[in-house]
PDB file of N, CA and C in Angstrom:
ATOM      1  N   MET A   1     203.895-113.417-180.765  1.00  0.00           N
ATOM      2  CA  MET A   1     202.661-112.922-181.303  1.00  0.00           C
ATOM      3  C   MET A   1     202.399-111.491-180.833  1.00  0.00           C
ATOM      4  N   VAL A   2     202.660-111.229-179.566  1.00  0.00           N
ATOM      5  CA  VAL A   2     202.428-109.894-179.024  1.00  0.00           C
ATOM      6  C   VAL A   2     203.400-108.892-179.643  1.00  0.00           C
ATOM      7  N   SER A   3     204.660-109.309-179.812  1.00  0.00           N
ATOM      8  CA  SER A   3     205.631-108.387-180.406  1.00  0.00           C
ATOM      9  C   SER A   3     205.281-108.100-181.862  1.00  0.00           C
ATOM     10  N   GLY A   4     204.767-109.082-182.558  1.00  0.00           N
ATOM     11  CA  GLY A   4     204.328-108.868-183.938  1.00  0.00           C
ATOM     12  C   GLY A   4     203.165-107.889-184.007  1.00  0.00           C
ATOM     13  N   SER A   5     202.242-108.015-183.064  1.00  0.00           N
ATOM     14  CA  SER A   5     201.111-107.080-183.015  1.00  0.00           C
ATOM     15  C   SER A   5     201.592-105.670-182.709  1.00  0.00           C
ATOM     16  N   GLY A   6     202.550-105.557-181.791  1.00  0.00           N
ATOM     17  CA  GLY A   6     203.100-104.243-181.464  1.00  0.00           C
ATOM     18  C   GLY A   6     203.808-103.620-182.655  1.00  0.00           C
ATOM     19  N   ALA A   7     204.577-104.424-183.372  1.00  0.00           N
ATOM     20  CA  ALA A   7     205.263-103.919-184.559  1.00  0.00           C
ATOM     21  C   ALA A   7     204.254-103.482-185.612  1.00  0.00           C
ATOM     22  N   GLY A   8     203.183-104.246-185.759  1.00  0.00           N
ATOM     23  CA  GLY A   8     202.135-103.881-186.713  1.00  0.00           C
ATOM     24  C   GLY A   8     201.452-102.584-186.337  1.00  0.00           C
ATOM     25  N   LEU A   9     201.194-102.394-185.039  1.00  0.00           N
ATOM     26  CA  LEU A   9     200.573-101.145-184.587  1.00  0.00           C
ATOM     27  C   LEU A   9     201.483 -99.948-184.845  1.00  0.00           C
ATOM     28  N   TRP A  10     202.787-100.105-184.570  1.00  0.00           N
ATOM     29  CA  TRP A  10     203.727 -99.005-184.825  1.00  0.00           C
ATOM     30  C   TRP A  10     203.789 -98.691-186.312  1.00  0.00           C
ATOM     31  N   ALA A  11     203.825 -99.707-187.148  1.00  0.00           N
ATOM     32  CA  ALA A  11     203.867 -99.489-188.592  1.00  0.00           C
ATOM     33  C   ALA A  11     202.590 -98.804-189.067  1.00  0.00           C
ATOM     34  N   ALA A  12     201.458 -99.257-188.553  1.00  0.00           N
ATOM     35  CA  ALA A  12     200.183 -98.649-188.934  1.00  0.00           C
ATOM     36  C   ALA A  12     200.121 -97.196-188.479  1.00  0.00           C
ATOM     37  N   LEU A  13     200.630 -96.917-187.306  1.00  0.00           N
ATOM     38  CA  LEU A  13     200.641 -95.541-186.808  1.00  0.00           C
ATOM     39  C   LEU A  13     201.499 -94.651-187.693  1.00  0.00           C
ATOM     40  N   ALA A  14     202.675 -95.135-188.078  1.00  0.00           N
ATOM     41  CA  ALA A  14     203.563 -94.351-188.943  1.00  0.00           C
ATOM     42  C   ALA A  14     202.931 -94.138-190.314  1.00  0.00           C
ATOM     43  N   LEU A  15     202.351 -95.185-190.889  1.00  0.00           N
ATOM     44  CA  LEU A  15     201.700 -95.049-192.197  1.00  0.00           C
ATOM     45  C   LEU A  15     200.493 -94.118-192.124  1.00  0.00           C
ATOM     46  N   GLY A  16     199.705 -94.243-191.078  1.00  0.00           N
ATOM     47  CA  GLY A  16     198.536 -93.367-190.918  1.00  0.00           C
ATOM     48  C   GLY A  16     198.936 -91.910-190.736  1.00  0.00           C
ATOM     49  N   ALA A  17     199.959 -91.671-189.942  1.00  0.00           N
ATOM     50  CA  ALA A  17     200.432 -90.293-189.746  1.00  0.00           C
ATOM     51  C   ALA A  17     200.968 -89.733-191.056  1.00  0.00           C
ATOM     52  N   GLY A  18     201.690 -90.534-191.817  1.00  0.00           N
ATOM     53  CA  GLY A  18     202.193 -90.088-193.109  1.00  0.00           C
ATOM     54  C   GLY A  18     201.076 -89.774-194.084  1.00  0.00           C
ATOM     55  N   TRP A  19     200.045 -90.607-194.083  1.00  0.00           N
ATOM     56  CA  TRP A  19     198.920 -90.375-194.981  1.00  0.00           C
ATOM     57  C   TRP A  19     198.167 -89.112-194.589  1.00  0.00           C
ATOM     58  N   LEU A  20     197.951 -88.906-193.277  1.00  0.00           N
ATOM     59  CA  LEU A  20     197.229 -87.715-192.814  1.00  0.00           C
ATOM     60  C   LEU A  20     198.029 -86.429-193.029  1.00  0.00           C
ATOM     61  N   LEU A  21     199.325 -86.526-192.893  1.00  0.00           N
ATOM     62  CA  LEU A  21     200.166 -85.328-192.949  1.00  0.00           C
ATOM     63  C   LEU A  21     200.952 -85.207-194.248  1.00  0.00           C
ATOM     64  N   GLN A  22     200.519 -85.883-195.310  1.00  0.00           N
ATOM     65  CA  GLN A  22     201.306 -85.892-196.535  1.00  0.00           C
ATOM     66  C   GLN A  22     201.507 -84.494-197.109  1.00  0.00           C
ATOM     67  N   GLY A  23     200.520 -83.623-197.010  1.00  0.00           N
ATOM     68  CA  GLY A  23     200.681 -82.261-197.505  1.00  0.00           C
ATOM     69  C   GLY A  23     201.679 -81.479-196.664  1.00  0.00           C
ATOM     70  N   ALA A  24     201.626 -81.654-195.366  1.00  0.00           N
ATOM     71  CA  ALA A  24     202.551 -80.956-194.481  1.00  0.00           C
ATOM     72  C   ALA A  24     203.978 -81.457-194.680  1.00  0.00           C
ATOM     73  N   VAL A  25     204.138 -82.756-194.896  1.00  0.00           N
ATOM     74  CA  VAL A  25     205.470 -83.320-195.110  1.00  0.00           C
ATOM     75  C   VAL A  25     206.062 -82.784-196.405  1.00  0.00           C
ATOM     76  N   GLN A  26     205.248 -82.722-197.456  1.00  0.00           N
ATOM     77  CA  GLN A  26     205.736 -82.191-198.731  1.00  0.00           C
ATOM     78  C   GLN A  26     206.101 -80.718-198.589  1.00  0.00           C
ATOM     79  N   GLY A  27     205.327 -79.976-197.833  1.00  0.00           N
ATOM     80  CA  GLY A  27     205.649 -78.569-197.590  1.00  0.00           C
ATOM     81  C   GLY A  27     206.935 -78.423-196.796  1.00  0.00           C
ATOM     82  N   ALA A  28     207.138 -79.261-195.801  1.00  0.00           N
ATOM     83  CA  ALA A  28     208.364 -79.203-194.997  1.00  0.00           C
ATOM     84  C   ALA A  28     209.580 -79.550-195.839  1.00  0.00           C
ATOM     85  N   ILE A  29     209.441 -80.534-196.704  1.00  0.00           N
ATOM     86  CA  ILE A  29     210.550 -80.897-197.591  1.00  0.00           C
ATOM     87  C   ILE A  29     210.861 -79.748-198.542  1.00  0.00           C
ATOM     88  N   SER A  30     209.834 -79.086-199.035  1.00  0.00           N
ATOM     89  CA  SER A  30     210.034 -77.936-199.928  1.00  0.00           C
ATOM     90  C   SER A  30     210.769 -76.811-199.204  1.00  0.00           C
ATOM     91  N   VAL A  31     210.377 -76.518-197.972  1.00  0.00           N
ATOM     92  CA  VAL A  31     211.040 -75.469-197.192  1.00  0.00           C
ATOM     93  C   VAL A  31     212.491 -75.850-196.919  1.00  0.00           C
ATOM     94  N   LEU A  32     212.740 -77.107-196.586  1.00  0.00           N
ATOM     95  CA  LEU A  32     214.109 -77.550-196.345  1.00  0.00           C
ATOM     96  C   LEU A  32     214.961 -77.456-197.609  1.00  0.00           C
ATOM     97  N   ASP A  33     214.373 -77.774-198.760  1.00  0.00           N
ATOM     98  CA  ASP A  33     215.106 -77.651-200.023  1.00  0.00           C
ATOM     99  C   ASP A  33     215.493 -76.200-200.294  1.00  0.00           C
ATOM    100  N   GLN A  34     214.601 -75.293-199.986  1.00  0.00           N
ATOM    101  CA  GLN A  34     214.864 -73.873-200.237  1.00  0.00           C
ATOM    102  C   GLN A  34     215.937 -73.319-199.303  1.00  0.00           C
ATOM    103  N   HIS A  35     215.993 -73.825-198.088  1.00  0.00           N
ATOM    104  CA  HIS A  35     216.883 -73.262-197.072  1.00  0.00           C
ATOM    105  C   HIS A  35     217.970 -74.233-196.619  1.00  0.00           C
ATOM    106  N   ALA A  36     218.319 -75.189-197.448  1.00  0.00           N
ATOM    107  CA  ALA A  36     219.293 -76.210-197.057  1.00  0.00           C
ATOM    108  C   ALA A  36     220.657 -75.606-196.753  1.00  0.00           C
ATOM    109  N   GLY A  37     221.109 -74.642-197.552  1.00  0.00           N
ATOM    110  CA  GLY A  37     222.413 -74.027-197.327  1.00  0.00           C
ATOM    111  C   GLY A  37     222.472 -73.289-195.997  1.00  0.00           C
ATOM    112  N   GLY A  38     221.445 -72.518-195.706  1.00  0.00           N
ATOM    113  CA  GLY A  38     221.396 -71.789-194.433  1.00  0.00           C
ATOM    114  C   GLY A  38     221.299 -72.724-193.242  1.00  0.00           C
ATOM    115  N   ALA A  39     220.494 -73.787-193.386  1.00  0.00           N
ATOM    116  CA  ALA A  39     220.363 -74.758-192.299  1.00  0.00           C
ATOM    117  C   ALA A  39     221.686 -75.459-192.039  1.00  0.00           C
ATOM    118  N   LEU A  40     222.409 -75.782-193.105  1.00  0.00           N
ATOM    119  CA  LEU A  40     223.716 -76.422-192.955  1.00  0.00           C
ATOM    120  C   LEU A  40     224.701 -75.471-192.278  1.00  0.00           C
ATOM    121  N   LEU A  41     224.672 -74.205-192.665  1.00  0.00           N
ATOM    122  CA  LEU A  41     225.552 -73.206-192.070  1.00  0.00           C
ATOM    123  C   LEU A  41     225.248 -73.012-190.589  1.00  0.00           C
ATOM    124  N   ILE A  42     223.976 -72.923-190.248  1.00  0.00           N
ATOM    125  CA  ILE A  42     223.587 -72.754-188.841  1.00  0.00           C
ATOM    126  C   ILE A  42     223.966 -73.981-188.023  1.00  0.00           C
ATOM    127  N   THR A  43     223.710 -75.167-188.568  1.00  0.00           N
ATOM    128  CA  THR A  43     224.061 -76.407-187.861  1.00  0.00           C
ATOM    129  C   THR A  43     225.563 -76.502-187.648  1.00  0.00           C
ATOM    130  N   THR A  44     226.342 -76.184-188.672  1.00  0.00           N
ATOM    131  CA  THR A  44     227.799 -76.208-188.551  1.00  0.00           C
ATOM    132  C   THR A  44     228.274 -75.201-187.509  1.00  0.00           C
ATOM    133  N   GLY A  45     227.677 -74.013-187.513  1.00  0.00           N
ATOM    134  CA  GLY A  45     228.034 -73.002-186.521  1.00  0.00           C
ATOM    135  C   GLY A  45     227.710 -73.438-185.101  1.00  0.00           C
ATOM    136  N   LEU A  46     226.553 -74.072-184.919  1.00  0.00           N
ATOM    137  CA  LEU A  46     226.176 -74.543-183.587  1.00  0.00           C
ATOM    138  C   LEU A  46     227.115 -75.643-183.093  1.00  0.00           C
ATOM    139  N   VAL A  47     227.462 -76.569-183.972  1.00  0.00           N
ATOM    140  CA  VAL A  47     228.379 -77.646-183.583  1.00  0.00           C
ATOM    141  C   VAL A  47     229.759 -77.082-183.263  1.00  0.00           C
ATOM    142  N   ALA A  48     230.236 -76.144-184.075  1.00  0.00           N
ATOM    143  CA  ALA A  48     231.545 -75.527-183.815  1.00  0.00           C
ATOM    144  C   ALA A  48     231.534 -74.744-182.512  1.00  0.00           C
ATOM    145  N   SER A  49     230.451 -74.042-182.233  1.00  0.00           N
ATOM    146  CA  SER A  49     230.346 -73.294-180.973  1.00  0.00           C
ATOM    147  C   SER A  49     230.345 -74.235-179.774  1.00  0.00           C
ATOM    148  N   TRP A  50     229.599 -75.333-179.883  1.00  0.00           N
ATOM    149  CA  TRP A  50     229.540 -76.287-178.788  1.00  0.00           C
ATOM    150  C   TRP A  50     230.918 -76.901-178.530  1.00  0.00           C
ATOM    151  N   LEU A  51     231.610 -77.279-179.619  1.00  0.00           N
ATOM    152  CA  LEU A  51     232.946 -77.851-179.459  1.00  0.00           C
ATOM    153  C   LEU A  51     233.915 -76.818-178.879  1.00  0.00           C
ATOM    154  N   GLY A  52     233.795 -75.578-179.317  1.00  0.00           N
ATOM    155  CA  GLY A  52     234.659 -74.528-178.790  1.00  0.00           C
ATOM    156  C   GLY A  52     234.412 -74.264-177.315  1.00  0.00           C
ATOM    157  N   TRP A  53     233.177 -74.452-176.872  1.00  0.00           N
ATOM    158  CA  TRP A  53     232.845 -74.238-175.461  1.00  0.00           C
ATOM    159  C   TRP A  53     233.245 -75.454-174.618  1.00  0.00           C
ATOM    160  N   LYS A  54     233.135 -76.646-175.188  1.00  0.00           N
ATOM    161  CA  LYS A  54     233.331 -77.877-174.430  1.00  0.00           C
ATOM    162  C   LYS A  54     234.792 -78.316-174.365  1.00  0.00           C
ATOM    163  N   MET A  55     235.586 -78.057-175.380  1.00  0.00           N
ATOM    164  CA  MET A  55     236.917 -78.641-175.481  1.00  0.00           C
ATOM    165  C   MET A  55     238.019 -77.969-174.652  1.00  0.00           C
ATOM    166  N   PRO A  56     238.023 -76.667-174.410  1.00  0.00           N
ATOM    167  CA  PRO A  56     239.186 -76.069-173.735  1.00  0.00           C
ATOM    168  C   PRO A  56     239.491 -76.624-172.350  1.00  0.00           C
ATOM    169  N   ALA A  57     238.483 -76.967-171.558  1.00  0.00           N
ATOM    170  CA  ALA A  57     238.746 -77.425-170.193  1.00  0.00           C
ATOM    171  C   ALA A  57     239.538 -78.733-170.159  1.00  0.00           C
ATOM    172  N   PRO A  58     239.141 -79.786-170.881  1.00  0.00           N
ATOM    173  CA  PRO A  58     239.934 -81.015-170.856  1.00  0.00           C
ATOM    174  C   PRO A  58     241.321 -80.824-171.463  1.00  0.00           C
ATOM    175  N   ILE A  59     241.402 -80.004-172.496  1.00  0.00           N
ATOM    176  CA  ILE A  59     242.705 -79.753-173.102  1.00  0.00           C
ATOM    177  C   ILE A  59     243.617 -79.024-172.125  1.00  0.00           C
ATOM    178  N   GLN A  60     243.043 -78.065-171.391  1.00  0.00           N
ATOM    179  CA  GLN A  60     243.825 -77.330-170.394  1.00  0.00           C
ATOM    180  C   GLN A  60     244.328 -78.278-169.309  1.00  0.00           C
ATOM    181  N   ALA A  61     243.473 -79.184-168.854  1.00  0.00           N
ATOM    182  CA  ALA A  61     243.875 -80.136-167.823  1.00  0.00           C
ATOM    183  C   ALA A  61     244.971 -81.067-168.342  1.00  0.00           C
ATOM    184  N   ALA A  62     244.828 -81.551-169.573  1.00  0.00           N
ATOM    185  CA  ALA A  62     245.834 -82.441-170.141  1.00  0.00           C
ATOM    186  C   ALA A  62     247.164 -81.717-170.317  1.00  0.00           C
ATOM    187  N   ARG A  63     247.128 -80.476-170.772  1.00  0.00           N
ATOM    188  CA  ARG A  63     248.372 -79.719-170.931  1.00  0.00           C
ATOM    189  C   ARG A  63     249.051 -79.484-169.586  1.00  0.00           C
ATOM    190  N   TYR A  64     248.261 -79.207-168.559  1.00  0.00           N
ATOM    191  CA  TYR A  64     248.817 -79.014-167.225  1.00  0.00           C
ATOM    192  C   TYR A  64     249.551 -80.272-166.772  1.00  0.00           C
ATOM    193  N   LEU A  65     248.931 -81.419-166.983  1.00  0.00           N
ATOM    194  CA  LEU A  65     249.549 -82.681-166.566  1.00  0.00           C
ATOM    195  C   LEU A  65     250.804 -82.985-167.383  1.00  0.00           C
ATOM    196  N   LEU A  66     250.736 -82.763-168.692  1.00  0.00           N
ATOM    197  CA  LEU A  66     251.901 -83.021-169.528  1.00  0.00           C
ATOM    198  C   LEU A  66     253.046 -82.070-169.192  1.00  0.00           C
ATOM    199  N   ASP A  67     252.731 -80.803-168.900  1.00  0.00           N
ATOM    200  CA  ASP A  67     253.762 -79.844-168.506  1.00  0.00           C
ATOM    201  C   ASP A  67     254.360 -80.182-167.140  1.00  0.00           C
ATOM    202  N   ALA A  68     253.573 -80.865-166.301  1.00  0.00           N
ATOM    203  CA  ALA A  68     254.054 -81.246-164.981  1.00  0.00           C
ATOM    204  C   ALA A  68     254.951 -82.482-165.037  1.00  0.00           C
ATOM    205  N   GLY A  69     255.122 -83.067-166.239  1.00  0.00           N
ATOM    206  CA  GLY A  69     256.025 -84.195-166.377  1.00  0.00           C
ATOM    207  C   GLY A  69     255.362 -85.536-166.571  1.00  0.00           C
ATOM    208  N   TYR A  70     254.046 -85.578-166.611  1.00  0.00           N
ATOM    209  CA  TYR A  70     253.359 -86.846-166.857  1.00  0.00           C
ATOM    210  C   TYR A  70     253.551 -87.243-168.312  1.00  0.00           C
ATOM    211  N   HIS A  71     253.656 -88.531-168.567  1.00  0.00           N
ATOM    212  CA  HIS A  71     253.883 -89.021-169.923  1.00  0.00           C
ATOM    213  C   HIS A  71     252.587 -89.127-170.718  1.00  0.00           C
ATOM    214  N   ALA A  72     251.477 -89.270-170.042  1.00  0.00           N
ATOM    215  CA  ALA A  72     250.180 -89.390-170.706  1.00  0.00           C
ATOM    216  C   ALA A  72     249.111 -88.824-169.781  1.00  0.00           C
ATOM    217  N   ALA A  73     248.034 -88.377-170.369  1.00  0.00           N
ATOM    218  CA  ALA A  73     246.905 -87.858-169.598  1.00  0.00           C
ATOM    219  C   ALA A  73     245.638 -88.543-170.079  1.00  0.00           C
ATOM    220  N   ARG A  74     244.920 -89.179-169.155  1.00  0.00           N
ATOM    221  CA  ARG A  74     243.656 -89.834-169.479  1.00  0.00           C
ATOM    222  C   ARG A  74     242.521 -89.078-168.816  1.00  0.00           C
ATOM    223  N   PRO A  75     241.307 -89.187-169.362  1.00  0.00           N
ATOM    224  CA  PRO A  75     240.164 -88.508-168.748  1.00  0.00           C
ATOM    225  C   PRO A  75     239.861 -89.081-167.365  1.00  0.00           C
ATOM    226  N   LEU A  76     239.439 -88.228-166.469  1.00  0.00           N
ATOM    227  CA  LEU A  76     239.039 -88.621-165.124  1.00  0.00           C
ATOM    228  C   LEU A  76     237.526 -88.748-165.102  1.00  0.00           C
ATOM    229  N   GLN A  77     237.014 -89.792-164.457  1.00  0.00           N
ATOM    230  CA  GLN A  77     235.571 -89.922-164.370  1.00  0.00           C
ATOM    231  C   GLN A  77     235.022 -88.731-163.612  1.00  0.00           C
ATOM    232  N   GLY A  78     234.070 -88.037-164.198  1.00  0.00           N
ATOM    233  CA  GLY A  78     233.527 -86.826-163.603  1.00  0.00           C
ATOM    234  C   GLY A  78     233.987 -85.592-164.343  1.00  0.00           C
ATOM    235  N   GLY A  79     234.961 -85.751-165.263  1.00  0.00           N
ATOM    236  CA  GLY A  79     235.386 -84.656-166.114  1.00  0.00           C
ATOM    237  C   GLY A  79     236.275 -83.644-165.430  1.00  0.00           C
ATOM    238  N   TYR A  80     236.315 -82.481-166.025  1.00  0.00           N
ATOM    239  CA  TYR A  80     237.194 -81.408-165.579  1.00  0.00           C
ATOM    240  C   TYR A  80     236.848 -80.953-164.165  1.00  0.00           C
ATOM    241  N   GLU A  81     235.554 -80.939-163.831  1.00  0.00           N
ATOM    242  CA  GLU A  81     235.142 -80.520-162.495  1.00  0.00           C
ATOM    243  C   GLU A  81     235.714 -81.465-161.430  1.00  0.00           C
ATOM    244  N   ALA A  82     235.721 -82.769-161.708  1.00  0.00           N
ATOM    245  CA  ALA A  82     236.288 -83.731-160.761  1.00  0.00           C
ATOM    246  C   ALA A  82     237.791 -83.534-160.641  1.00  0.00           C
ATOM    247  N   TRP A  83     238.442 -83.225-161.760  1.00  0.00           N
ATOM    248  CA  TRP A  83     239.884 -82.986-161.729  1.00  0.00           C
ATOM    249  C   TRP A  83     240.191 -81.750-160.896  1.00  0.00           C
ATOM    250  N   MET A  84     239.392 -80.694-161.078  1.00  0.00           N
ATOM    251  CA  MET A  84     239.606 -79.468-160.309  1.00  0.00           C
ATOM    252  C   MET A  84     239.380 -79.725-158.814  1.00  0.00           C
ATOM    253  N   ALA A  85     238.353 -80.515-158.474  1.00  0.00           N
ATOM    254  CA  ALA A  85     238.084 -80.823-157.076  1.00  0.00           C
ATOM    255  C   ALA A  85     239.219 -81.644-156.478  1.00  0.00           C
ATOM    256  N   ALA A  86     239.736 -82.603-157.239  1.00  0.00           N
ATOM    257  CA  ALA A  86     240.857 -83.406-156.755  1.00  0.00           C
ATOM    258  C   ALA A  86     242.105 -82.544-156.610  1.00  0.00           C
ATOM    259  N   ASN A  87     242.308 -81.620-157.521  1.00  0.00           N
ATOM    260  CA  ASN A  87     243.451 -80.724-157.457  1.00  0.00           C
ATOM    261  C   ASN A  87     243.331 -79.793-156.254  1.00  0.00           C
ATOM    262  N   ALA A  88     242.114 -79.308-155.971  1.00  0.00           N
ATOM    263  CA  ALA A  88     241.902 -78.431-154.820  1.00  0.00           C
ATOM    264  C   ALA A  88     242.106 -79.195-153.515  1.00  0.00           C
ATOM    265  N   ALA A  89     241.730 -80.475-153.491  1.00  0.00           N
ATOM    266  CA  ALA A  89     241.909 -81.278-152.285  1.00  0.00           C
ATOM    267  C   ALA A  89     243.387 -81.499-151.993  1.00  0.00           C
ATOM    268  N   ASN A  90     244.225 -81.528-153.027  1.00  0.00           N
ATOM    269  CA  ASN A  90     245.660 -81.727-152.855  1.00  0.00           C
ATOM    270  C   ASN A  90     246.438 -80.416-152.916  1.00  0.00           C
ATOM    271  N   ALA A  91     245.769 -79.299-152.726  1.00  0.00           N
ATOM    272  CA  ALA A  91     246.424 -78.002-152.869  1.00  0.00           C
ATOM    273  C   ALA A  91     247.527 -77.798-151.834  1.00  0.00           C
ATOM    274  N   ASP A  92     247.373 -78.398-150.647  1.00  0.00           N
ATOM    275  CA  ASP A  92     248.395 -78.223-149.611  1.00  0.00           C
ATOM    276  C   ASP A  92     249.643 -79.040-149.922  1.00  0.00           C
ATOM    277  N   SER A  93     249.513 -80.141-150.670  1.00  0.00           N
ATOM    278  CA  SER A  93     250.682 -80.930-151.052  1.00  0.00           C
ATOM    279  C   SER A  93     250.520 -81.427-152.478  1.00  0.00           C
ATOM    280  N   PRO A  94     250.619 -80.535-153.479  1.00  0.00           N
ATOM    281  CA  PRO A  94     250.371 -80.957-154.863  1.00  0.00           C
ATOM    282  C   PRO A  94     251.423 -81.957-155.340  1.00  0.00           C
ATOM    283  N   GLY A  95     250.959 -82.981-156.030  1.00  0.00           N
ATOM    284  CA  GLY A  95     251.847 -83.964-156.623  1.00  0.00           C
ATOM    285  C   GLY A  95     252.460 -84.928-155.640  1.00  0.00           C
ATOM    286  N   GLU A  96     252.079 -84.872-154.376  1.00  0.00           N
ATOM    287  CA  GLU A  96     252.695 -85.730-153.380  1.00  0.00           C
ATOM    288  C   GLU A  96     252.223 -87.176-153.473  1.00  0.00           C
ATOM    289  N   ASN A  97     250.923 -87.357-153.817  1.00  0.00           N
ATOM    290  CA  ASN A  97     250.366 -88.700-153.832  1.00  0.00           C
ATOM    291  C   ASN A  97     250.640 -89.421-155.151  1.00  0.00           C
ATOM    292  N   ILE A  98     250.651 -88.724-156.255  1.00  0.00           N
ATOM    293  CA  ILE A  98     250.810 -89.348-157.559  1.00  0.00           C
ATOM    294  C   ILE A  98     252.053 -88.784-158.221  1.00  0.00           C
ATOM    295  N   LYS A  99     252.922 -89.668-158.617  1.00  0.00           N
ATOM    296  CA  LYS A  99     254.159 -89.253-159.283  1.00  0.00           C
ATOM    297  C   LYS A  99     254.019 -89.510-160.777  1.00  0.00           C
ATOM    298  N   PRO A 100     254.665 -88.687-161.610  1.00  0.00           N
ATOM    299  CA  PRO A 100     254.607 -88.906-163.053  1.00  0.00           C
ATOM    300  C   PRO A 100     255.312 -90.182-163.459  1.00  0.00           C
TER     301      PRO A 100
END
């Protein structure tokens, strides 16, 4: 009964907000229709930039491991920073503890 009342309150809130803001919603939809191409271009650019910034570090780590003779490279919990810290800790004897 309580969950039903909560669901009813949320539905009423959404319907009330839609009714109060119907002019603003129609205006926002109109603006989005006018600028959909630009918004898509900006969104695509932002996603591509984020991927370009985020991807090189794990790829660099995987290539290093594959070039060192490992048959496969899996992600390390903690990401590239954890891999770099583990690599720095083994700097005096690299590759001594783990063999490919």
